[in-house]
Amino acid sequence: MQPSAHTANTSDAEMPTNADSTTTDTASASASNTAAVNSAAVNTAAIDQRIATIRRQPFRAKFHLRVPESEFVALRGADVVARHARDLIGRRLAPAHPANDGRQTPWGGHPVFRAQHATATCCRSCLARNHDIPKGRELTAREQDYVVAVICRWIDTEIGAARPSRT
């Protein structure tokens, strides 16, 4: 599901660190997260680590794709969903001061919306708190690429978890 530009690995120095402030120095986590966001290609392992950290938040852990959203991905395909994610992020999250910030992302109805809540990419406050991307300025193209990669990776994981094993 991830666009190929998002799957290339970067060095370990560019991997985001655990965002849990109780176990990680906030300054070093912020610097490392910024490096991952600003790298030309986002490290899938870094995204997986970030998603795992966010999943430990009780509010985020309850989000999963519903049947209609999974069917949407199966019917339309990963590339279409990724294009929708890029468009939605560009219109609803990328502006410096998004309209209705904090309330602009519906709770469901599209796999991208569910993924945004699950990955804390639903509003600028959540993006700042969980991904160290500051509020009050427009998202750069690389930051938008990062957000789309996080959303697509979460959807990939959800679709993979829903598949029956072939053992």
C-alpha atoms as a PDB file:
ATOM      1  CA  MET A   1       0.000   0.000   0.000  1.00  0.00           C
ATOM      2  CA  GLN A   2       2.881   2.365   0.580  1.00  0.00           C
ATOM      3  CA  PRO A   3       4.090   4.403  -2.334  1.00  0.00           C
ATOM      4  CA  SER A   4       7.579   3.224  -3.241  1.00  0.00           C
ATOM      5  CA  ALA A   5       9.144   6.548  -2.210  1.00  0.00           C
ATOM      6  CA  HIS A   6       8.128   5.792   1.364  1.00  0.00           C
ATOM      7  CA  THR A   7       9.641   2.351   1.661  1.00  0.00           C
ATOM      8  CA  ALA A   8      13.343   3.007   1.227  1.00  0.00           C
ATOM      9  CA  ASN A   9      15.300   2.592   4.445  1.00  0.00           C
ATOM     10  CA  THR A  10      17.297   5.394   5.979  1.00  0.00           C
ATOM     11  CA  SER A  11      20.051   5.130   8.548  1.00  0.00           C
ATOM     12  CA  ASP A  12      19.362   4.246  12.183  1.00  0.00           C
ATOM     13  CA  ALA A  13      20.203   7.832  13.120  1.00  0.00           C
ATOM     14  CA  GLU A  14      17.091   8.935  11.251  1.00  0.00           C
ATOM     15  CA  MET A  15      14.723   6.541  12.982  1.00  0.00           C
ATOM     16  CA  PRO A  16      12.235   8.181  15.340  1.00  0.00           C
ATOM     17  CA  THR A  17      12.759   7.158  18.909  1.00  0.00           C
ATOM     18  CA  ASN A  18      10.130   6.027  21.377  1.00  0.00           C
ATOM     19  CA  ALA A  19       7.846   9.018  21.950  1.00  0.00           C
ATOM     20  CA  ASP A  20       7.015   7.911  25.496  1.00  0.00           C
ATOM     21  CA  SER A  21       8.385  10.861  27.463  1.00  0.00           C
ATOM     22  CA  THR A  22       8.680   8.780  30.626  1.00  0.00           C
ATOM     23  CA  THR A  23      11.439   6.664  29.094  1.00  0.00           C
ATOM     24  CA  THR A  24      12.976   8.921  26.457  1.00  0.00           C
ATOM     25  CA  ASP A  25      14.756  12.252  26.611  1.00  0.00           C
ATOM     26  CA  THR A  26      12.311  14.617  24.909  1.00  0.00           C
ATOM     27  CA  ALA A  27      14.981  16.727  23.222  1.00  0.00           C
ATOM     28  CA  SER A  28      16.732  13.758  21.625  1.00  0.00           C
ATOM     29  CA  ALA A  29      13.387  12.197  20.619  1.00  0.00           C
ATOM     30  CA  SER A  30      12.342  15.443  18.984  1.00  0.00           C
ATOM     31  CA  ALA A  31      15.615  15.763  17.080  1.00  0.00           C
ATOM     32  CA  SER A  32      15.457  12.156  15.926  1.00  0.00           C
ATOM     33  CA  ASN A  33      11.785  12.447  14.889  1.00  0.00           C
ATOM     34  CA  THR A  34      12.530  15.608  12.944  1.00  0.00           C
ATOM     35  CA  ALA A  35      15.369  13.814  11.159  1.00  0.00           C
ATOM     36  CA  ALA A  36      13.009  11.005  10.122  1.00  0.00           C
ATOM     37  CA  VAL A  37      10.390  13.444   8.882  1.00  0.00           C
ATOM     38  CA  ASN A  38      12.947  15.485   6.943  1.00  0.00           C
ATOM     39  CA  SER A  39      14.668  12.511   5.313  1.00  0.00           C
ATOM     40  CA  ALA A  40      13.923  12.032   1.630  1.00  0.00           C
ATOM     41  CA  ALA A  41      12.573   8.533   2.248  1.00  0.00           C
ATOM     42  CA  VAL A  42      10.892   7.360   5.409  1.00  0.00           C
ATOM     43  CA  ASN A  43      12.179   4.247   7.144  1.00  0.00           C
ATOM     44  CA  THR A  44       9.438   1.618   7.457  1.00  0.00           C
ATOM     45  CA  ALA A  45      10.992   0.299  10.677  1.00  0.00           C
ATOM     46  CA  ALA A  46      10.841   3.798  12.150  1.00  0.00           C
ATOM     47  CA  ILE A  47       7.187   4.088  11.201  1.00  0.00           C
ATOM     48  CA  ASP A  48       6.450   0.669  12.691  1.00  0.00           C
ATOM     49  CA  GLN A  49       8.172   1.737  15.919  1.00  0.00           C
ATOM     50  CA  ARG A  50       6.184   4.977  16.029  1.00  0.00           C
ATOM     51  CA  ILE A  51       2.884   3.177  15.389  1.00  0.00           C
ATOM     52  CA  ALA A  52       3.712   0.633  18.122  1.00  0.00           C
ATOM     53  CA  THR A  53       4.361   3.472  20.567  1.00  0.00           C
ATOM     54  CA  ILE A  54       1.108   5.212  19.672  1.00  0.00           C
ATOM     55  CA  ARG A  55      -0.830   1.927  19.883  1.00  0.00           C
ATOM     56  CA  ARG A  56       0.073   1.736  23.559  1.00  0.00           C
ATOM     57  CA  GLN A  57      -2.165   4.746  24.185  1.00  0.00           C
ATOM     58  CA  PRO A  58      -5.550   3.323  25.275  1.00  0.00           C
ATOM     59  CA  PHE A  59      -7.506   5.796  23.146  1.00  0.00           C
ATOM     60  CA  ARG A  60      -5.541   4.940  19.980  1.00  0.00           C
ATOM     61  CA  ALA A  61      -5.505   1.181  20.624  1.00  0.00           C
ATOM     62  CA  LYS A  62      -9.246   0.855  20.118  1.00  0.00           C
ATOM     63  CA  PHE A  63      -9.146   1.936  16.473  1.00  0.00           C
ATOM     64  CA  HIS A  64      -9.303  -0.764  13.812  1.00  0.00           C
ATOM     65  CA  LEU A  65     -10.630  -0.815  10.279  1.00  0.00           C
ATOM     66  CA  ARG A  66     -14.291  -1.739  10.150  1.00  0.00           C
ATOM     67  CA  VAL A  67     -15.610  -4.171   7.536  1.00  0.00           C
ATOM     68  CA  PRO A  68     -16.818  -1.473   5.091  1.00  0.00           C
ATOM     69  CA  GLU A  69     -13.472   0.319   5.326  1.00  0.00           C
ATOM     70  CA  SER A  70     -11.559  -2.923   4.727  1.00  0.00           C
ATOM     71  CA  GLU A  71     -13.812  -3.658   1.771  1.00  0.00           C
ATOM     72  CA  PHE A  72     -13.118  -0.160   0.437  1.00  0.00           C
ATOM     73  CA  VAL A  73      -9.375  -0.911   0.461  1.00  0.00           C
ATOM     74  CA  ALA A  74      -9.934  -4.308  -1.184  1.00  0.00           C
ATOM     75  CA  LEU A  75     -12.213  -2.841  -3.861  1.00  0.00           C
ATOM     76  CA  ARG A  76     -10.346   0.372  -4.673  1.00  0.00           C
ATOM     77  CA  GLY A  77      -6.789  -0.770  -3.998  1.00  0.00           C
ATOM     78  CA  ALA A  78      -3.893   0.555  -2.004  1.00  0.00           C
ATOM     79  CA  ASP A  79      -2.816   3.121  -4.599  1.00  0.00           C
ATOM     80  CA  VAL A  80      -6.224   4.809  -4.598  1.00  0.00           C
ATOM     81  CA  VAL A  81      -6.303   4.883  -0.802  1.00  0.00           C
ATOM     82  CA  ALA A  82      -2.800   6.404  -0.761  1.00  0.00           C
ATOM     83  CA  ARG A  83      -3.935   9.088  -3.228  1.00  0.00           C
ATOM     84  CA  HIS A  84      -6.956   9.799  -1.040  1.00  0.00           C
ATOM     85  CA  ALA A  85      -4.657  10.057   1.999  1.00  0.00           C
ATOM     86  CA  ARG A  86      -2.399  12.532   0.194  1.00  0.00           C
ATOM     87  CA  ASP A  87      -5.391  14.645  -0.863  1.00  0.00           C
ATOM     88  CA  LEU A  88      -7.037  14.571   2.574  1.00  0.00           C
ATOM     89  CA  ILE A  89      -3.797  15.449   4.377  1.00  0.00           C
ATOM     90  CA  GLY A  90      -3.105  18.251   1.909  1.00  0.00           C
ATOM     91  CA  ARG A  91      -6.539  19.786   2.403  1.00  0.00           C
ATOM     92  CA  ARG A  92      -7.329  19.020   6.059  1.00  0.00           C
ATOM     93  CA  LEU A  93      -4.016  18.833   7.920  1.00  0.00           C
ATOM     94  CA  ALA A  94      -1.284  20.595   5.934  1.00  0.00           C
ATOM     95  CA  PRO A  95      -2.447  24.228   6.279  1.00  0.00           C
ATOM     96  CA  ALA A  96      -0.829  26.234   9.073  1.00  0.00           C
ATOM     97  CA  HIS A  97      -4.235  26.733  10.698  1.00  0.00           C
ATOM     98  CA  PRO A  98      -6.620  24.036   9.425  1.00  0.00           C
ATOM     99  CA  ALA A  99     -10.343  24.767   9.590  1.00  0.00           C
ATOM    100  CA  ASN A 100     -11.899  23.220  12.699  1.00  0.00           C
ATOM    101  CA  ASP A 101      -8.511  21.915  13.867  1.00  0.00           C
ATOM    102  CA  GLY A 102      -9.070  19.213  16.431  1.00  0.00           C
ATOM    103  CA  ARG A 103     -12.456  18.354  14.953  1.00  0.00           C
ATOM    104  CA  GLN A 104     -11.733  18.145  11.213  1.00  0.00           C
ATOM    105  CA  THR A 105     -11.323  14.367  10.961  1.00  0.00           C
ATOM    106  CA  PRO A 106     -14.486  12.217  10.967  1.00  0.00           C
ATOM    107  CA  TRP A 107     -14.410   9.092  13.142  1.00  0.00           C
ATOM    108  CA  GLY A 108     -14.957   6.702  10.243  1.00  0.00           C
ATOM    109  CA  GLY A 109     -16.438   6.230   6.800  1.00  0.00           C
ATOM    110  CA  HIS A 110     -13.071   6.072   5.030  1.00  0.00           C
ATOM    111  CA  PRO A 111     -10.011   3.988   5.925  1.00  0.00           C
ATOM    112  CA  VAL A 112      -7.839   7.125   5.994  1.00  0.00           C
ATOM    113  CA  PHE A 113     -10.011   8.718   8.697  1.00  0.00           C
ATOM    114  CA  ARG A 114      -9.771   5.625  10.931  1.00  0.00           C
ATOM    115  CA  ALA A 115      -6.026   5.477  10.334  1.00  0.00           C
ATOM    116  CA  GLN A 116      -5.608   9.142  11.221  1.00  0.00           C
ATOM    117  CA  HIS A 117      -7.178   8.593  14.637  1.00  0.00           C
ATOM    118  CA  ALA A 118      -5.245   5.367  15.198  1.00  0.00           C
ATOM    119  CA  THR A 119      -1.910   6.990  14.315  1.00  0.00           C
ATOM    120  CA  ALA A 120      -2.449  10.393  15.948  1.00  0.00           C
ATOM    121  CA  THR A 121      -2.350  12.181  12.594  1.00  0.00           C
ATOM    122  CA  CYS A 122      -5.913  13.476  12.918  1.00  0.00           C
ATOM    123  CA  CYS A 123      -5.180  17.090  13.916  1.00  0.00           C
ATOM    124  CA  ARG A 124      -2.239  19.410  14.359  1.00  0.00           C
ATOM    125  CA  SER A 125      -2.233  19.001  18.152  1.00  0.00           C
ATOM    126  CA  CYS A 126      -1.964  15.214  17.895  1.00  0.00           C
ATOM    127  CA  LEU A 127       0.642  15.571  15.159  1.00  0.00           C
ATOM    128  CA  ALA A 128       2.721  17.865  17.375  1.00  0.00           C
ATOM    129  CA  ARG A 129       2.330  15.724  20.490  1.00  0.00           C
ATOM    130  CA  ASN A 130       2.987  12.342  18.868  1.00  0.00           C
ATOM    131  CA  HIS A 131       5.142  13.078  15.828  1.00  0.00           C
ATOM    132  CA  ASP A 132       6.962  16.270  16.870  1.00  0.00           C
ATOM    133  CA  ILE A 133       5.687  18.227  13.879  1.00  0.00           C
ATOM    134  CA  PRO A 134       4.915  21.708  15.193  1.00  0.00           C
ATOM    135  CA  LYS A 135       1.631  23.543  14.826  1.00  0.00           C
ATOM    136  CA  GLY A 136       1.231  27.003  13.391  1.00  0.00           C
ATOM    137  CA  ARG A 137       2.989  26.537  10.072  1.00  0.00           C
ATOM    138  CA  GLU A 138       2.165  24.711   6.861  1.00  0.00           C
ATOM    139  CA  LEU A 139       3.391  21.125   6.621  1.00  0.00           C
ATOM    140  CA  THR A 140       6.315  20.700   4.262  1.00  0.00           C
ATOM    141  CA  ALA A 141       6.082  18.245   1.373  1.00  0.00           C
ATOM    142  CA  ARG A 142       8.341  15.844   3.297  1.00  0.00           C
ATOM    143  CA  GLU A 143       6.160  16.076   6.405  1.00  0.00           C
ATOM    144  CA  GLN A 144       3.103  15.350   4.294  1.00  0.00           C
ATOM    145  CA  ASP A 145       4.929  12.360   2.769  1.00  0.00           C
ATOM    146  CA  TYR A 146       5.724  11.139   6.291  1.00  0.00           C
ATOM    147  CA  VAL A 147       2.102  11.491   7.469  1.00  0.00           C
ATOM    148  CA  VAL A 148       0.808   9.663   4.384  1.00  0.00           C
ATOM    149  CA  ALA A 149       3.405   6.907   4.906  1.00  0.00           C
ATOM    150  CA  VAL A 150       2.315   6.470   8.548  1.00  0.00           C
ATOM    151  CA  ILE A 151      -1.350   6.268   7.538  1.00  0.00           C
ATOM    152  CA  CYS A 152      -0.668   3.819   4.699  1.00  0.00           C
ATOM    153  CA  ARG A 153       1.525   1.643   6.903  1.00  0.00           C
ATOM    154  CA  TRP A 154      -1.191   1.419   9.573  1.00  0.00           C
ATOM    155  CA  ILE A 155      -3.769   0.456   6.931  1.00  0.00           C
ATOM    156  CA  ASP A 156      -1.361  -2.172   5.521  1.00  0.00           C
ATOM    157  CA  THR A 157      -0.939  -3.600   9.000  1.00  0.00           C
ATOM    158  CA  GLU A 158      -4.694  -3.661   9.625  1.00  0.00           C
ATOM    159  CA  ILE A 159      -5.410  -5.362   6.296  1.00  0.00           C
ATOM    160  CA  GLY A 160      -2.630  -7.884   6.955  1.00  0.00           C
ATOM    161  CA  ALA A 161      -3.982  -8.638  10.433  1.00  0.00           C
ATOM    162  CA  ALA A 162      -7.434  -9.285   8.944  1.00  0.00           C
ATOM    163  CA  ARG A 163      -6.148 -11.873   6.462  1.00  0.00           C
ATOM    164  CA  PRO A 164      -6.493 -15.477   7.566  1.00  0.00           C
ATOM    165  CA  SER A 165      -3.191 -17.293   7.892  1.00  0.00           C
ATOM    166  CA  ARG A 166      -2.343 -20.024   5.376  1.00  0.00           C
ATOM    167  CA  THR A 167      -0.850 -22.558   7.755  1.00  0.00           C
END
